Amino acid sequence: MGLILETRDLTKRFGGFLAVDGVNLKVEEGAIHALIGPNGAGKTTTFNLLTKFLQPTSGLILFKDRDITSAQPQDLPKAGIVRSFQISAVFGEMTVLHNVRVALQTKLRIALQFWRPLSSLSELNDKADSLLEAVGLLDFRHLKAKELSYGRKRALEIATTLAMDPELLLLDEPTSGLGHEDVDRIAALIQSFARNRTLLMVEHNLSVVSSLCDTITVLTRGKVLIEGDYATVSRNPAVIEAYLGTGHE
């Protein structure tokens, strides 16, 4: 399928601290790719570089062979890259339906056309309902987002990111803070919508990583320690010592 995202010697310094040290990452089109590592490994900084919330000190970021190193965060959705956040990012005072509809309006570039009558936007409702049904929230469409449980807020966030129709979806700790039942629900959602797109995720839950991910990149001290499938990564002695041995049975 070829590469959809690549970094070349990606480096980030904060003063004298080298947070990301020459990371070469290759994400295959159509894959679910995980970025994991112990605390302080540099995975969050790497993720923020990829999503342009930080600018690298040096190195390149390529999306479909196009240099996006100097791009701004607002440029990424237009290019086909959408990020979700570790903390659920939805509009609490808006209904579940309206949250998804705002994302659809943004994708269709009609979000700022305030002169359009509200009735003209009802055409988006069917698409919004389809997305809500896909994430199990159709019955909650008229609730305010703040009334949802935390797990359902994460599902709503997934619906809003899918409304942007990304080619590459970047997920930041999608199961963080969830109970076991919600973890299973979100993992199933990720697996279902990954069929037609590429996913790169930072994730701490190794059972989720092992069940979902085609490729895993392990970072430690800002460098790539190893990359491969879960079986390869989990057997590596350096990984066991640096990461898996501290939190994996």
Protein backbone atom coordinates (compact mmCIF):
# COMPACT_ATOMS: atom_id res chain seq x y z
CA MET A 1 0.00 0.00 0.00
CA GLY A 2 2.95 2.37 0.55
CA LEU A 3 3.68 4.92 3.24
CA ILE A 4 1.15 7.56 4.26
CA LEU A 5 3.23 9.19 7.03
CA GLU A 6 6.98 9.28 7.49
CA THR A 7 9.44 11.13 9.71
CA ARG A 8 13.13 11.52 8.95
CA ASP A 9 15.49 12.21 11.85
CA LEU A 10 12.71 14.01 13.73
CA THR A 11 14.27 15.88 16.65
CA LYS A 12 12.95 18.18 19.37
CA ARG A 13 14.98 20.01 21.99
CA PHE A 14 13.66 22.00 24.91
CA GLY A 15 16.68 24.04 25.87
CA GLY A 16 19.33 21.49 26.80
CA PHE A 17 16.84 18.59 27.01
CA LEU A 18 16.61 16.28 24.01
CA ALA A 19 13.00 15.04 24.10
CA VAL A 20 12.89 13.44 20.63
CA ASP A 21 16.16 12.18 19.22
CA GLY A 22 16.27 11.42 15.49
CA VAL A 23 13.02 9.45 15.25
CA ASN A 24 12.42 7.72 11.92
CA LEU A 25 8.80 6.60 11.80
CA LYS A 26 7.07 4.91 8.86
CA VAL A 27 3.30 4.43 8.90
CA GLU A 28 1.88 2.20 6.19
CA GLU A 29 -1.34 3.21 4.48
CA GLY A 30 -4.30 1.25 5.85
CA ALA A 31 -2.49 0.14 9.01
CA ILE A 32 -3.25 0.60 12.69
CA HIS A 33 0.07 1.75 14.09
CA ALA A 34 0.76 2.24 17.80
CA LEU A 35 3.36 4.46 19.43
CA ILE A 36 4.16 3.20 22.92
CA GLY A 37 6.81 3.60 25.59
CA PRO A 38 7.39 4.20 29.29
CA ASN A 39 6.79 7.57 30.91
CA GLY A 40 9.26 10.11 29.58
CA ALA A 41 9.95 8.09 26.41
CA GLY A 42 9.03 11.00 24.14
CA LYS A 43 5.87 9.56 22.64
CA THR A 44 3.63 12.52 23.56
CA THR A 45 6.19 15.01 22.25
CA THR A 46 6.49 12.99 19.03
CA PHE A 47 2.70 12.94 18.71
CA ASN A 48 2.55 16.71 19.22
CA LEU A 49 5.19 17.18 16.54
CA LEU A 50 3.21 15.04 14.10
CA THR A 51 0.03 16.99 14.80
CA LYS A 52 1.87 20.33 14.58
CA PHE A 53 1.20 21.47 18.14
CA LEU A 54 4.99 21.63 18.36
CA GLN A 55 7.52 22.49 15.69
CA PRO A 56 10.59 20.24 15.41
CA THR A 57 14.09 21.48 16.09
CA SER A 58 15.19 19.52 13.02
CA GLY A 59 14.05 16.71 10.76
CA LEU A 60 11.19 16.19 8.33
CA ILE A 61 7.56 15.09 8.48
CA LEU A 62 6.07 13.76 5.24
CA PHE A 63 2.41 13.01 4.53
CA LYS A 64 1.88 11.12 1.28
CA ASP A 65 5.39 12.21 0.24
CA ARG A 66 4.53 15.88 0.83
CA ASP A 67 6.59 17.86 3.32
CA ILE A 68 4.31 19.10 6.12
CA THR A 69 7.08 19.92 8.59
CA SER A 70 6.17 23.61 8.67
CA ALA A 71 2.39 23.14 8.50
CA GLN A 72 0.10 24.59 11.18
CA PRO A 73 -2.49 22.55 13.12
CA GLN A 74 -5.38 24.11 11.20
CA ASP A 75 -3.83 22.95 7.91
CA LEU A 76 -4.01 19.25 8.76
CA PRO A 77 -7.77 18.55 8.41
CA LYS A 78 -7.70 20.02 4.90
CA ALA A 79 -4.85 17.67 4.06
CA GLY A 80 -6.74 14.66 5.45
CA ILE A 81 -5.24 14.37 8.96
CA VAL A 82 -7.44 14.63 12.06
CA ARG A 83 -6.39 14.30 15.70
CA SER A 84 -8.38 13.26 18.75
CA PHE A 85 -7.27 14.22 22.24
CA GLN A 86 -6.47 12.35 25.46
CA ILE A 87 -9.10 14.42 27.26
CA SER A 88 -12.46 14.30 25.54
CA ALA A 89 -12.87 17.40 23.40
CA VAL A 90 -16.58 17.96 22.77
CA PHE A 91 -18.90 20.94 23.22
CA GLY A 92 -20.67 20.14 26.47
CA GLU A 93 -23.53 22.61 26.10
CA MET A 94 -24.40 21.41 22.60
CA THR A 95 -26.43 18.31 21.88
CA VAL A 96 -24.77 15.14 20.72
CA LEU A 97 -26.31 15.65 17.27
CA HIS A 98 -25.09 19.23 17.01
CA ASN A 99 -21.55 18.25 17.96
CA VAL A 100 -21.39 15.91 14.99
CA ARG A 101 -23.16 18.34 12.71
CA VAL A 102 -20.62 21.08 13.48
CA ALA A 103 -17.86 18.70 12.40
CA LEU A 104 -19.74 17.92 9.19
CA GLN A 105 -20.21 21.61 8.50
CA THR A 106 -16.49 22.16 8.95
CA LYS A 107 -15.69 19.39 6.49
CA LEU A 108 -18.12 20.87 3.95
CA ARG A 109 -16.73 24.38 4.60
CA ILE A 110 -20.11 25.86 5.47
CA ALA A 111 -19.42 26.33 9.18
CA LEU A 112 -19.09 30.11 8.89
CA GLN A 113 -21.98 30.74 6.54
CA PHE A 114 -24.16 32.27 9.22
CA TRP A 115 -26.70 33.57 6.72
CA ARG A 116 -27.84 30.07 5.86
CA PRO A 117 -31.19 29.25 7.50
CA LEU A 118 -31.02 26.50 10.11
CA SER A 119 -33.43 24.40 8.10
CA SER A 120 -30.90 24.24 5.25
CA LEU A 121 -28.52 22.36 7.53
CA SER A 122 -31.04 19.62 8.25
CA GLU A 123 -29.66 17.77 5.23
CA LEU A 124 -26.69 16.96 7.45
CA ASN A 125 -28.85 15.18 10.00
CA ASP A 126 -28.98 11.87 8.12
CA LYS A 127 -25.19 11.75 7.87
CA ALA A 128 -24.86 12.74 11.53
CA ASP A 129 -27.35 10.06 12.56
CA SER A 130 -25.42 7.48 10.57
CA LEU A 131 -22.22 8.39 12.42
CA LEU A 132 -23.99 8.36 15.78
CA GLU A 133 -25.47 4.95 15.05
CA ALA A 134 -21.99 3.68 14.16
CA VAL A 135 -20.65 4.69 17.59
CA GLY A 136 -23.74 3.62 19.53
CA LEU A 137 -25.03 7.10 20.34
CA LEU A 138 -28.12 7.45 18.16
CA ASP A 139 -30.45 7.11 21.16
CA PHE A 140 -28.57 9.97 22.87
CA ARG A 141 -28.67 12.39 19.94
CA HIS A 142 -30.77 15.05 21.72
CA LEU A 143 -28.88 14.98 25.02
CA LYS A 144 -26.35 17.67 25.80
CA ALA A 145 -22.86 16.26 25.47
CA LYS A 146 -22.07 17.12 29.09
CA GLU A 147 -24.78 14.67 30.19
CA LEU A 148 -22.99 11.70 28.63
CA SER A 149 -20.79 9.33 30.59
CA TYR A 150 -17.07 9.71 30.03
CA GLY A 151 -16.93 6.63 27.83
CA ARG A 152 -19.77 7.90 25.64
CA LYS A 153 -18.06 11.29 25.38
CA ARG A 154 -15.07 9.50 23.93
CA ALA A 155 -17.38 7.73 21.48
CA LEU A 156 -18.84 11.12 20.52
CA GLU A 157 -15.36 12.47 19.94
CA ILE A 158 -14.70 9.56 17.60
CA ALA A 159 -17.91 10.37 15.71
CA THR A 160 -16.84 14.01 15.30
CA THR A 161 -13.40 13.00 14.03
CA LEU A 162 -14.97 10.55 11.57
CA ALA A 163 -17.24 13.36 10.37
CA MET A 164 -14.09 15.05 9.08
CA ASP A 165 -13.54 11.97 6.88
CA PRO A 166 -9.78 11.74 7.54
CA GLU A 167 -7.33 9.64 5.59
CA LEU A 168 -5.10 9.51 8.67
CA LEU A 169 -6.59 9.55 12.15
CA LEU A 170 -4.29 10.28 15.07
CA LEU A 171 -5.62 9.01 18.41
CA ASP A 172 -4.12 10.22 21.67
CA GLU A 173 -4.69 7.63 24.44
CA PRO A 174 -8.20 6.71 23.21
CA THR A 175 -8.90 4.42 26.18
CA SER A 176 -7.40 6.65 28.87
CA GLY A 177 -9.58 6.89 31.98
CA LEU A 178 -12.12 4.33 30.77
CA GLY A 179 -13.54 1.38 32.69
CA HIS A 180 -13.20 -2.13 31.30
CA GLU A 181 -16.58 -2.12 29.54
CA ASP A 182 -15.91 1.24 27.89
CA VAL A 183 -12.40 0.14 26.86
CA ASP A 184 -13.91 -2.82 25.02
CA ARG A 185 -16.51 -0.56 23.37
CA ILE A 186 -13.95 2.00 22.18
CA ALA A 187 -11.56 -0.73 20.99
CA ALA A 188 -14.38 -2.27 18.95
CA LEU A 189 -15.19 1.14 17.45
CA ILE A 190 -11.56 1.71 16.51
CA GLN A 191 -11.40 -1.67 14.82
CA SER A 192 -14.61 -1.06 12.89
CA PHE A 193 -13.76 2.35 11.48
CA ALA A 194 -10.12 1.49 10.76
CA ARG A 195 -11.11 -0.62 7.78
CA ASN A 196 -11.05 2.29 5.36
CA ARG A 197 -8.42 4.56 6.89
CA THR A 198 -5.03 4.68 8.56
CA LEU A 199 -4.67 5.08 12.33
CA LEU A 200 -1.71 6.14 14.42
CA MET A 201 -2.35 5.94 18.13
CA VAL A 202 -0.52 6.63 21.38
CA GLU A 203 -1.90 4.05 23.79
CA HIS A 204 -0.90 2.76 27.22
CA ASN A 205 -3.29 -0.21 27.35
CA LEU A 206 -1.23 -3.09 26.00
CA SER A 207 -4.17 -5.45 25.61
CA VAL A 208 -5.74 -2.90 23.25
CA VAL A 209 -2.46 -2.50 21.40
CA SER A 210 -1.95 -6.25 21.04
CA SER A 211 -5.47 -6.85 19.73
CA LEU A 212 -5.72 -3.90 17.34
CA CYS A 213 -2.35 -2.87 16.00
CA ASP A 214 -0.53 -4.13 12.94
CA THR A 215 2.71 -2.33 13.79
CA ILE A 216 4.08 -1.03 17.08
CA THR A 217 6.89 1.47 17.53
CA VAL A 218 8.47 1.50 20.98
CA LEU A 219 10.18 4.69 22.10
CA THR A 220 12.57 5.09 25.00
CA ARG A 221 14.53 8.21 25.93
CA GLY A 222 13.32 9.90 22.77
CA LYS A 223 14.60 7.21 20.40
CA VAL A 224 13.03 4.30 18.56
CA LEU A 225 13.93 1.15 20.47
CA ILE A 226 12.24 -1.35 18.15
CA GLU A 227 9.41 -1.57 15.63
CA GLY A 228 7.36 -4.57 14.59
CA ASP A 229 4.24 -6.56 15.33
CA TYR A 230 3.21 -7.25 18.92
CA ALA A 231 4.77 -10.71 19.02
CA THR A 232 8.14 -9.33 17.91
CA VAL A 233 8.05 -6.32 20.20
CA SER A 234 6.83 -8.16 23.31
CA ARG A 235 9.64 -10.74 23.11
CA ASN A 236 12.43 -8.18 22.83
CA PRO A 237 14.52 -8.15 26.05
CA ALA A 238 15.20 -4.42 25.84
CA VAL A 239 11.47 -3.71 25.57
CA ILE A 240 10.69 -5.99 28.49
CA GLU A 241 13.27 -4.16 30.58
CA ALA A 242 12.36 -0.64 29.46
CA TYR A 243 8.58 -0.90 29.23
CA LEU A 244 6.70 -4.17 29.29
CA GLY A 245 8.41 -5.44 32.40
CA THR A 246 7.01 -2.56 34.43
CA GLY A 247 3.37 -3.03 33.50
CA HIS A 248 2.78 -6.24 31.61
CA GLU A 249 1.89 -9.58 33.13
